[in-house]
Amino acid sequence: MSEATTRVPTAHGSRYLQQLCKHWGHKYPVAFTPEHGRIEMSAAVLIMDADAEGLALRLTAAGEDLERMQGVVERHLERFAFKEELKFDWTPAD
């Protein structure tokens, strides 16, 4: 399994975390609070932590699926954040 992380600067991290968890909660196992979320997708596991300055994301997937799943997560969050431009700078975990 491979892992990548990013921190997205936004004042609405908690809102986006909760929206994404509720959105995927009908399809995948999900657990969340306003500050922390975990989504167990079929091809990846996404862990999110929100605070007043942003949203931290940690995505774990098989190496061949990691980049594709980063795009899936980004597109969903961008739809929720249509009023602001989110910036993703994924870094492979050591």
C-alpha atoms as a PDB file:
ATOM      1  CA  MET A   1       0.000   0.000   0.000  1.00  0.00           C
ATOM      2  CA  SER A   2       1.087   3.528  -0.753  1.00  0.00           C
ATOM      3  CA  GLU A   3       0.196   6.674   1.112  1.00  0.00           C
ATOM      4  CA  ALA A   4       0.046  10.371   0.268  1.00  0.00           C
ATOM      5  CA  THR A   5      -0.827  13.400   2.360  1.00  0.00           C
ATOM      6  CA  THR A   6      -1.834  16.975   1.713  1.00  0.00           C
ATOM      7  CA  ARG A   7      -3.069  19.956   3.683  1.00  0.00           C
ATOM      8  CA  VAL A   8      -5.693  22.126   2.014  1.00  0.00           C
ATOM      9  CA  PRO A   9      -5.887  25.695   3.338  1.00  0.00           C
ATOM     10  CA  THR A  10      -9.551  26.603   3.927  1.00  0.00           C
ATOM     11  CA  ALA A  11     -11.699  28.074   6.662  1.00  0.00           C
ATOM     12  CA  HIS A  12     -14.363  25.468   5.835  1.00  0.00           C
ATOM     13  CA  GLY A  13     -12.437  22.241   6.417  1.00  0.00           C
ATOM     14  CA  SER A  14     -14.938  20.838   8.909  1.00  0.00           C
ATOM     15  CA  ARG A  15     -17.858  21.487   6.566  1.00  0.00           C
ATOM     16  CA  TYR A  16     -16.122  19.771   3.629  1.00  0.00           C
ATOM     17  CA  LEU A  17     -15.064  16.828   5.810  1.00  0.00           C
ATOM     18  CA  GLN A  18     -18.644  16.274   6.963  1.00  0.00           C
ATOM     19  CA  GLN A  19     -20.103  16.719   3.470  1.00  0.00           C
ATOM     20  CA  LEU A  20     -17.707  14.169   1.985  1.00  0.00           C
ATOM     21  CA  CYS A  21     -18.378  11.665   4.766  1.00  0.00           C
ATOM     22  CA  LYS A  22     -22.145  12.037   4.404  1.00  0.00           C
ATOM     23  CA  HIS A  23     -21.895  11.815   0.608  1.00  0.00           C
ATOM     24  CA  TRP A  24     -19.899   8.572   0.661  1.00  0.00           C
ATOM     25  CA  GLY A  25     -21.605   7.212   3.776  1.00  0.00           C
ATOM     26  CA  HIS A  26     -24.316   5.641   1.626  1.00  0.00           C
ATOM     27  CA  LYS A  27     -21.730   3.617  -0.266  1.00  0.00           C
ATOM     28  CA  TYR A  28     -18.784   2.983   2.072  1.00  0.00           C
ATOM     29  CA  PRO A  29     -18.077   2.511   5.792  1.00  0.00           C
ATOM     30  CA  VAL A  30     -17.651   5.993   7.266  1.00  0.00           C
ATOM     31  CA  ALA A  31     -16.960   7.415  10.729  1.00  0.00           C
ATOM     32  CA  PHE A  32     -16.697  11.114  11.458  1.00  0.00           C
ATOM     33  CA  THR A  33     -16.896  14.002  13.886  1.00  0.00           C
ATOM     34  CA  PRO A  34     -16.662  17.675  12.898  1.00  0.00           C
ATOM     35  CA  GLU A  35     -12.866  17.430  13.300  1.00  0.00           C
ATOM     36  CA  HIS A  36     -11.991  13.907  12.104  1.00  0.00           C
ATOM     37  CA  GLY A  37     -13.253  11.587   9.397  1.00  0.00           C
ATOM     38  CA  ARG A  38     -12.440   8.157   8.003  1.00  0.00           C
ATOM     39  CA  ILE A  39     -13.830   6.728   4.761  1.00  0.00           C
ATOM     40  CA  GLU A  40     -13.044   3.123   3.799  1.00  0.00           C
ATOM     41  CA  MET A  41     -13.552   3.098   0.027  1.00  0.00           C
ATOM     42  CA  SER A  42     -13.160  -0.039  -2.042  1.00  0.00           C
ATOM     43  CA  ALA A  43      -9.839   1.169  -3.513  1.00  0.00           C
ATOM     44  CA  ALA A  44      -8.534   3.397  -0.711  1.00  0.00           C
ATOM     45  CA  VAL A  45      -8.838   4.655   2.851  1.00  0.00           C
ATOM     46  CA  LEU A  46      -9.126   8.407   3.396  1.00  0.00           C
ATOM     47  CA  ILE A  47      -8.467   9.993   6.795  1.00  0.00           C
ATOM     48  CA  MET A  48      -9.277  13.687   7.255  1.00  0.00           C
ATOM     49  CA  ASP A  49      -8.558  16.135  10.062  1.00  0.00           C
ATOM     50  CA  ALA A  50     -10.068  19.625  10.055  1.00  0.00           C
ATOM     51  CA  ASP A  51      -9.175  22.722  12.042  1.00  0.00           C
ATOM     52  CA  ALA A  52      -9.793  26.447  11.673  1.00  0.00           C
ATOM     53  CA  GLU A  53      -7.028  26.845   9.072  1.00  0.00           C
ATOM     54  CA  GLY A  54      -7.553  23.837   6.820  1.00  0.00           C
ATOM     55  CA  LEU A  55      -8.195  20.217   6.055  1.00  0.00           C
ATOM     56  CA  ALA A  56      -5.459  17.576   6.306  1.00  0.00           C
ATOM     57  CA  LEU A  57      -5.916  14.491   4.131  1.00  0.00           C
ATOM     58  CA  ARG A  58      -4.142  11.126   4.332  1.00  0.00           C
ATOM     59  CA  LEU A  59      -4.956   8.704   1.523  1.00  0.00           C
ATOM     60  CA  THR A  60      -3.833   5.070   1.492  1.00  0.00           C
ATOM     61  CA  ALA A  61      -4.274   2.887  -1.596  1.00  0.00           C
ATOM     62  CA  ALA A  62      -2.517   0.283  -3.695  1.00  0.00           C
ATOM     63  CA  GLY A  63       0.320   1.955  -5.595  1.00  0.00           C
ATOM     64  CA  GLU A  64      -1.448   1.762  -8.956  1.00  0.00           C
ATOM     65  CA  ASP A  65      -4.646   3.276  -7.488  1.00  0.00           C
ATOM     66  CA  LEU A  66      -3.150   6.095  -5.414  1.00  0.00           C
ATOM     67  CA  GLU A  67      -2.962   8.808  -8.080  1.00  0.00           C
ATOM     68  CA  ARG A  68      -6.421   7.980  -9.448  1.00  0.00           C
ATOM     69  CA  MET A  69      -7.955   8.110  -5.968  1.00  0.00           C
ATOM     70  CA  GLN A  70      -6.259  11.442  -5.254  1.00  0.00           C
ATOM     71  CA  GLY A  71      -8.130  12.800  -8.277  1.00  0.00           C
ATOM     72  CA  VAL A  72     -11.423  11.307  -7.083  1.00  0.00           C
ATOM     73  CA  VAL A  73     -11.049  12.937  -3.657  1.00  0.00           C
ATOM     74  CA  GLU A  74     -10.014  16.276  -5.180  1.00  0.00           C
ATOM     75  CA  ARG A  75     -12.954  16.383  -7.622  1.00  0.00           C
ATOM     76  CA  HIS A  76     -15.471  15.653  -4.869  1.00  0.00           C
ATOM     77  CA  LEU A  77     -14.058  18.275  -2.508  1.00  0.00           C
ATOM     78  CA  GLU A  78     -13.868  20.844  -5.319  1.00  0.00           C
ATOM     79  CA  ARG A  79     -17.582  20.320  -6.020  1.00  0.00           C
ATOM     80  CA  PHE A  80     -18.426  20.995  -2.369  1.00  0.00           C
ATOM     81  CA  ALA A  81     -16.138  24.052  -2.347  1.00  0.00           C
ATOM     82  CA  PHE A  82     -17.449  25.641  -5.533  1.00  0.00           C
ATOM     83  CA  LYS A  83     -17.191  29.117  -3.956  1.00  0.00           C
ATOM     84  CA  GLU A  84     -13.447  28.821  -3.336  1.00  0.00           C
ATOM     85  CA  GLU A  85     -10.466  27.332  -5.104  1.00  0.00           C
ATOM     86  CA  LEU A  86      -8.870  24.514  -3.150  1.00  0.00           C
ATOM     87  CA  LYS A  87      -5.177  23.763  -3.575  1.00  0.00           C
ATOM     88  CA  PHE A  88      -3.930  20.180  -3.278  1.00  0.00           C
ATOM     89  CA  ASP A  89      -0.210  19.419  -3.037  1.00  0.00           C
ATOM     90  CA  TRP A  90       0.016  15.681  -2.407  1.00  0.00           C
ATOM     91  CA  THR A  91       3.231  14.385  -0.863  1.00  0.00           C
ATOM     92  CA  PRO A  92       4.123  10.675  -0.824  1.00  0.00           C
ATOM     93  CA  ALA A  93       4.495   9.401   2.739  1.00  0.00           C
ATOM     94  CA  ASP A  94       7.847   7.902   3.721  1.00  0.00           C
END
